């Protein structure tokens, strides 16, 4: 996995852009508020 950007910390959460094995960009995002998560019971 190759990082295309550094960690960006914002008010809504943290995100980073990585490259998958095929060269496609993938945005990874971790929201700050639990209600914004897909499964609020996990952290």
N, C-alpha and C. Protein backbone atom coordinates (compact mmCIF):
# COMPACT_ATOMS: atom_id res chain seq x y z
N UNK A 1 0.85 -1.16 0.00
CA UNK A 1 0.00 0.00 0.00
C UNK A 1 0.90 1.23 0.00
N UNK A 2 0.56 2.17 -0.85
CA UNK A 2 1.32 3.42 -0.96
C UNK A 2 0.44 4.58 -0.52
N UNK A 3 0.97 5.43 0.35
CA UNK A 3 0.24 6.61 0.78
C UNK A 3 0.38 7.69 -0.27
N UNK A 4 -0.74 8.29 -0.67
CA UNK A 4 -0.73 9.39 -1.63
C UNK A 4 -0.77 10.74 -0.94
N UNK A 5 -1.12 10.73 0.35
CA UNK A 5 -1.15 11.97 1.12
C UNK A 5 -0.82 11.66 2.56
N UNK A 6 -0.52 12.68 3.30
CA UNK A 6 -0.31 12.50 4.73
C UNK A 6 -1.65 12.50 5.44
N UNK A 7 -1.62 12.28 6.72
CA UNK A 7 -2.83 12.29 7.52
C UNK A 7 -3.38 13.71 7.58
N UNK A 8 -4.67 13.84 7.27
CA UNK A 8 -5.35 15.13 7.35
C UNK A 8 -6.31 15.05 8.52
N UNK A 9 -6.10 15.90 9.51
CA UNK A 9 -6.97 15.93 10.69
C UNK A 9 -7.89 17.13 10.57
N UNK A 10 -9.19 16.85 10.59
CA UNK A 10 -10.17 17.92 10.47
C UNK A 10 -11.20 17.85 11.57
N UNK A 11 -12.14 18.79 11.53
CA UNK A 11 -13.17 18.83 12.56
C UNK A 11 -14.08 17.61 12.51
N UNK A 12 -14.31 17.07 11.32
CA UNK A 12 -15.19 15.92 11.17
C UNK A 12 -14.52 14.59 11.39
N UNK A 13 -13.19 14.57 11.30
CA UNK A 13 -12.48 13.31 11.47
C UNK A 13 -11.12 13.36 10.82
N UNK A 14 -10.50 12.20 10.71
CA UNK A 14 -9.18 12.08 10.11
C UNK A 14 -9.30 11.31 8.80
N UNK A 15 -8.47 11.67 7.82
CA UNK A 15 -8.49 10.95 6.57
C UNK A 15 -7.11 10.89 5.95
N UNK A 16 -6.93 9.87 5.11
CA UNK A 16 -5.68 9.69 4.38
C UNK A 16 -6.03 9.05 3.04
N UNK A 17 -5.28 9.38 2.02
CA UNK A 17 -5.48 8.82 0.68
C UNK A 17 -4.38 7.81 0.42
N UNK A 18 -4.77 6.57 0.11
CA UNK A 18 -3.81 5.51 -0.18
C UNK A 18 -4.07 4.97 -1.57
N UNK A 19 -3.14 4.18 -2.05
CA UNK A 19 -3.24 3.57 -3.38
C UNK A 19 -3.36 2.06 -3.21
N UNK A 20 -4.39 1.46 -3.84
CA UNK A 20 -4.54 0.00 -3.75
C UNK A 20 -3.55 -0.67 -4.71
N UNK A 21 -3.45 -2.01 -4.68
CA UNK A 21 -2.46 -2.71 -5.52
C UNK A 21 -2.62 -2.45 -7.02
N UNK A 22 -3.82 -2.05 -7.47
CA UNK A 22 -4.04 -1.76 -8.89
C UNK A 22 -3.74 -0.32 -9.25
N UNK A 23 -3.38 0.50 -8.24
CA UNK A 23 -3.06 1.90 -8.50
C UNK A 23 -4.24 2.84 -8.33
N UNK A 24 -5.37 2.32 -7.85
CA UNK A 24 -6.55 3.16 -7.64
C UNK A 24 -6.46 3.88 -6.30
N UNK A 25 -6.87 5.16 -6.28
CA UNK A 25 -6.86 5.89 -5.01
C UNK A 25 -8.01 5.43 -4.11
N UNK A 26 -7.73 5.28 -2.83
CA UNK A 26 -8.75 4.89 -1.85
C UNK A 26 -8.67 5.88 -0.69
N UNK A 27 -9.81 6.46 -0.34
CA UNK A 27 -9.88 7.43 0.75
C UNK A 27 -10.28 6.70 2.02
N UNK A 28 -9.43 6.75 3.04
CA UNK A 28 -9.75 6.15 4.33
C UNK A 28 -10.14 7.27 5.28
N UNK A 29 -11.30 7.14 5.91
CA UNK A 29 -11.83 8.21 6.74
C UNK A 29 -12.28 7.64 8.08
N UNK A 30 -11.92 8.30 9.16
CA UNK A 30 -12.35 7.92 10.51
C UNK A 30 -13.07 9.12 11.13
N UNK A 31 -14.40 9.05 11.22
CA UNK A 31 -15.15 10.19 11.78
C UNK A 31 -14.90 10.35 13.27
N UNK A 32 -15.02 11.58 13.75
CA UNK A 32 -14.82 11.87 15.18
C UNK A 32 -16.04 11.49 16.01
N UNK A 33 -17.24 11.73 15.49
CA UNK A 33 -18.46 11.46 16.24
C UNK A 33 -18.91 10.02 16.03
N UNK A 34 -19.26 9.34 17.10
CA UNK A 34 -19.67 7.93 17.02
C UNK A 34 -20.90 7.75 16.13
N UNK A 35 -21.83 8.69 16.11
CA UNK A 35 -23.05 8.53 15.31
C UNK A 35 -22.77 8.61 13.81
N UNK A 36 -21.59 9.08 13.42
CA UNK A 36 -21.23 9.14 12.01
C UNK A 36 -20.60 7.84 11.52
N UNK A 37 -20.30 6.92 12.43
CA UNK A 37 -19.68 5.65 12.05
C UNK A 37 -20.72 4.68 11.50
N UNK A 38 -20.27 3.73 10.68
CA UNK A 38 -21.19 2.71 10.15
C UNK A 38 -21.72 1.85 11.30
N UNK A 39 -20.85 1.52 12.26
CA UNK A 39 -21.23 0.74 13.42
C UNK A 39 -20.80 1.51 14.67
N UNK A 40 -21.73 2.26 15.29
CA UNK A 40 -21.35 3.11 16.42
C UNK A 40 -20.82 2.35 17.64
N UNK A 41 -20.97 1.03 17.68
CA UNK A 41 -20.48 0.28 18.84
C UNK A 41 -18.99 0.00 18.77
N UNK A 42 -18.36 0.26 17.60
CA UNK A 42 -16.92 0.05 17.46
C UNK A 42 -16.21 1.39 17.49
N UNK A 43 -14.93 1.36 17.81
CA UNK A 43 -14.17 2.62 17.83
C UNK A 43 -13.16 2.68 16.74
